[in-house]
Amino acid sequence: MTNTANGLRTAATELDNANTEMVKIQNIAAVNMGNQLNQIQEQIRRMENQIQEQIRGMEQRILRQQSRSCVDRVHLFQESNSMLTISSEKNNLARLFNSRVAHETHHLEPLYNMDDELIVDFPLTSADINGLDGE
């Protein structure tokens, strides 16, 4: 029986050692998972930064394009306006340009009165229209 008891003790010791090693393996797996999670989070941060840079670049391109289109619009209006002599035709062209205003800060083209003169105190932007009184 001594051999059996020794064998059982040895088996129990080996099972205990195996259990200890299994715990170590689980801890290693948890550490590896934590490292992988950190790597994934860092990749997500880098991707967010890249997306933000791309958005900033697009915003800058849009602003440059808007600025160019406003300058082009003014030049086109000035060229067209110099060819027009009748106030109603000038007003029609101004209405056409003003109908394309996309933002309340963009400048409006002024209208002309019946004497073919610019209307005094015509609003500079569509936001200024709200400040007009009844007259």
Protein backbone atom coordinates (compact mmCIF):
# COMPACT_ATOMS: atom_id res chain seq x y z
CA MET A 1 0.00 0.00 0.00
CA THR A 2 2.89 2.28 0.47
CA ASN A 3 3.59 2.29 -3.21
CA THR A 4 -0.03 3.12 -3.91
CA ALA A 5 0.00 5.88 -1.31
CA ASN A 6 3.27 7.23 -2.69
CA GLY A 7 1.86 7.04 -6.19
CA LEU A 8 -1.27 8.91 -5.13
CA ARG A 9 0.81 11.56 -3.35
CA THR A 10 2.99 11.95 -6.42
CA ALA A 11 -0.09 12.16 -8.64
CA ALA A 12 -1.63 14.76 -6.31
CA THR A 13 1.60 16.77 -6.32
CA GLU A 14 1.77 16.60 -10.11
CA LEU A 15 -1.88 17.67 -10.40
CA ASP A 16 -1.17 20.58 -8.04
CA ASN A 17 1.86 21.56 -10.17
CA ALA A 18 -0.25 21.28 -13.32
CA ASN A 19 -2.94 23.47 -11.74
CA THR A 20 -0.28 26.09 -10.84
CA GLU A 21 1.00 26.05 -14.42
CA MET A 22 -2.56 26.41 -15.77
CA VAL A 23 -3.07 29.51 -13.61
CA LYS A 24 0.19 30.92 -14.98
CA ILE A 25 -0.96 30.24 -18.55
CA GLN A 26 -4.27 31.99 -17.85
CA ASN A 27 -2.38 34.98 -16.42
CA ILE A 28 -0.15 35.10 -19.50
CA ALA A 29 -3.23 34.96 -21.73
CA ALA A 30 -4.81 37.83 -19.74
CA VAL A 31 -1.63 39.93 -20.04
CA ASN A 32 -1.45 39.21 -23.78
CA MET A 33 -5.10 40.17 -24.14
CA GLY A 34 -4.44 43.40 -22.26
CA ASN A 35 -1.51 44.16 -24.57
CA GLN A 36 -3.64 43.41 -27.61
CA LEU A 37 -6.38 45.68 -26.26
CA ASN A 38 -3.84 48.48 -25.78
CA GLN A 39 -2.59 47.98 -29.34
CA ILE A 40 -6.15 48.07 -30.69
CA GLN A 41 -6.90 51.24 -28.72
CA GLU A 42 -3.72 52.87 -30.08
CA GLN A 43 -4.70 51.90 -33.63
CA ILE A 44 -8.14 53.42 -33.08
CA ARG A 45 -6.52 56.66 -31.78
CA ARG A 46 -4.28 56.82 -34.84
CA MET A 47 -7.25 56.24 -37.14
CA GLU A 48 -9.25 58.98 -35.35
CA ASN A 49 -6.33 61.38 -35.78
CA GLN A 50 -6.07 60.52 -39.48
CA ILE A 51 -9.80 61.05 -39.94
CA GLN A 52 -9.63 64.40 -38.12
CA GLU A 53 -6.71 65.47 -40.35
CA GLN A 54 -8.67 64.44 -43.44
CA ILE A 55 -11.71 66.39 -42.25
CA ARG A 56 -9.56 69.48 -41.60
CA GLY A 57 -8.08 69.14 -45.08
CA MET A 58 -11.55 68.87 -46.63
CA GLU A 59 -12.77 71.89 -44.66
CA GLN A 60 -9.79 73.93 -45.89
CA ARG A 61 -10.39 72.84 -49.50
CA ILE A 62 -14.08 73.75 -49.19
CA LEU A 63 -13.25 77.17 -47.75
CA ARG A 64 -10.72 77.82 -50.54
CA GLN A 65 -13.26 76.72 -53.14
CA GLN A 66 -15.97 78.94 -51.61
CA SER A 67 -13.58 81.85 -51.54
CA ARG A 68 -12.65 81.31 -55.19
CA SER A 69 -16.29 80.91 -56.22
CA CYS A 70 -17.19 84.18 -54.43
CA VAL A 71 -14.39 86.01 -56.26
CA ASP A 72 -15.44 84.41 -59.55
CA ARG A 73 -19.04 85.38 -58.85
CA VAL A 74 -18.07 88.99 -58.20
CA HIS A 75 -16.02 89.14 -61.40
CA LEU A 76 -18.84 87.60 -63.40
CA PHE A 77 -21.32 90.03 -61.89
CA GLN A 78 -19.08 93.01 -62.60
CA GLU A 79 -18.53 91.96 -66.21
CA SER A 80 -22.22 91.30 -66.76
CA ASN A 81 -23.21 94.46 -64.92
CA SER A 82 -20.99 96.64 -67.11
CA MET A 83 -22.83 95.38 -70.18
CA LEU A 84 -26.29 96.05 -68.73
CA THR A 85 -27.74 99.53 -68.72
CA ILE A 86 -31.36 98.96 -67.83
CA SER A 87 -32.01 98.72 -64.08
CA SER A 88 -34.55 95.90 -64.41
CA GLU A 89 -31.99 93.75 -66.21
CA LYS A 90 -29.40 94.55 -63.56
CA ASN A 91 -31.92 93.63 -60.88
CA ASN A 92 -32.74 90.34 -62.60
CA LEU A 93 -29.06 89.46 -62.70
CA ALA A 94 -28.62 90.48 -59.04
CA ARG A 95 -31.60 88.32 -58.06
CA LEU A 96 -30.07 85.39 -59.93
CA PHE A 97 -26.76 85.78 -58.09
CA ASN A 98 -28.51 86.35 -54.74
CA SER A 99 -30.60 83.20 -55.20
CA ARG A 100 -27.33 81.21 -55.20
CA VAL A 101 -26.17 82.58 -51.82
CA ALA A 102 -25.47 79.53 -49.67
CA HIS A 103 -24.63 81.12 -46.34
CA GLU A 104 -25.95 84.14 -44.50
CA THR A 105 -22.47 85.71 -44.37
CA HIS A 106 -22.01 85.74 -48.17
CA HIS A 107 -22.44 89.13 -49.76
CA LEU A 108 -25.59 90.01 -51.69
CA GLU A 109 -25.57 91.90 -54.96
CA PRO A 110 -27.50 95.15 -54.50
CA LEU A 111 -30.61 96.08 -56.46
CA TYR A 112 -31.15 99.26 -58.46
CA ASN A 113 -33.96 101.79 -58.20
CA MET A 114 -36.02 103.15 -61.10
CA ASP A 115 -33.34 105.81 -61.77
CA ASP A 116 -30.75 103.08 -62.39
CA GLU A 117 -28.98 103.93 -59.11
CA LEU A 118 -28.03 101.51 -56.35
CA ILE A 119 -30.65 101.29 -53.62
CA VAL A 120 -29.38 103.13 -50.56
CA ASP A 121 -28.70 100.94 -47.49
CA PHE A 122 -29.28 97.71 -49.38
CA PRO A 123 -28.42 94.79 -47.01
CA LEU A 124 -24.88 93.48 -47.47
CA THR A 125 -25.72 89.87 -46.49
CA SER A 126 -28.85 87.77 -46.13
CA ALA A 127 -28.35 87.96 -42.34
CA ASP A 128 -28.74 91.77 -42.60
CA ILE A 129 -32.23 91.34 -44.08
CA ASN A 130 -33.57 90.43 -40.63
CA GLY A 131 -32.44 93.83 -39.33
CA LEU A 132 -34.54 95.77 -41.86
CA ASP A 133 -37.60 97.68 -40.70
CA GLY A 134 -40.89 97.98 -42.57
CA GLU A 135 -39.70 100.82 -44.78
